[in-house]
Amino acid sequence: MSEHYGAQVLGNESPLSDELLAMYFKEPINVDKKLRMFSDRVEEVLKIKTLNLDTAQESFFSLAKEPLLKAFNAVVMQYEKESVDRIKKLHTIQGIVIIVILLSLLVELLLVYKARNKKQI
């Protein structure tokens, strides 16, 4: 997220994909909103002088378990999907580079072979 906020400060486009931006800042997932709610709840509980640990723990777990963890899981799955897609693109590029290298070696071999035959004649 620091790259996103850094880009915003500099007035640049976010490095996050449109899908990830939507997951972080738009409904139905809106990780940013859920994380702020969780943080606000933690701050509220910490301000209570007669803190009931069981109630506080239940509150934290209910906020973290359902909305927050499911949202984080969705974001992680999107990051994984995008990473796999990038790796596939890199494999394709690598295959093309190997073919170009092999073709250039073949052309070089043919040129050397032709030059050798000309010298023998």
Foldseek 3Di string as FASTA:
>chain_A
DVQQVVCVVVVHHRPDDPVLVCLCCHPDQNLVVLVVVLVVLVVVQVPDPPHDVVVSVVVNCVSCPPRNVVSVVVNVVVVVVVVVVVVVVVVVVVVVVVVVVVVVVVVVVVVVVVVVVVVVD
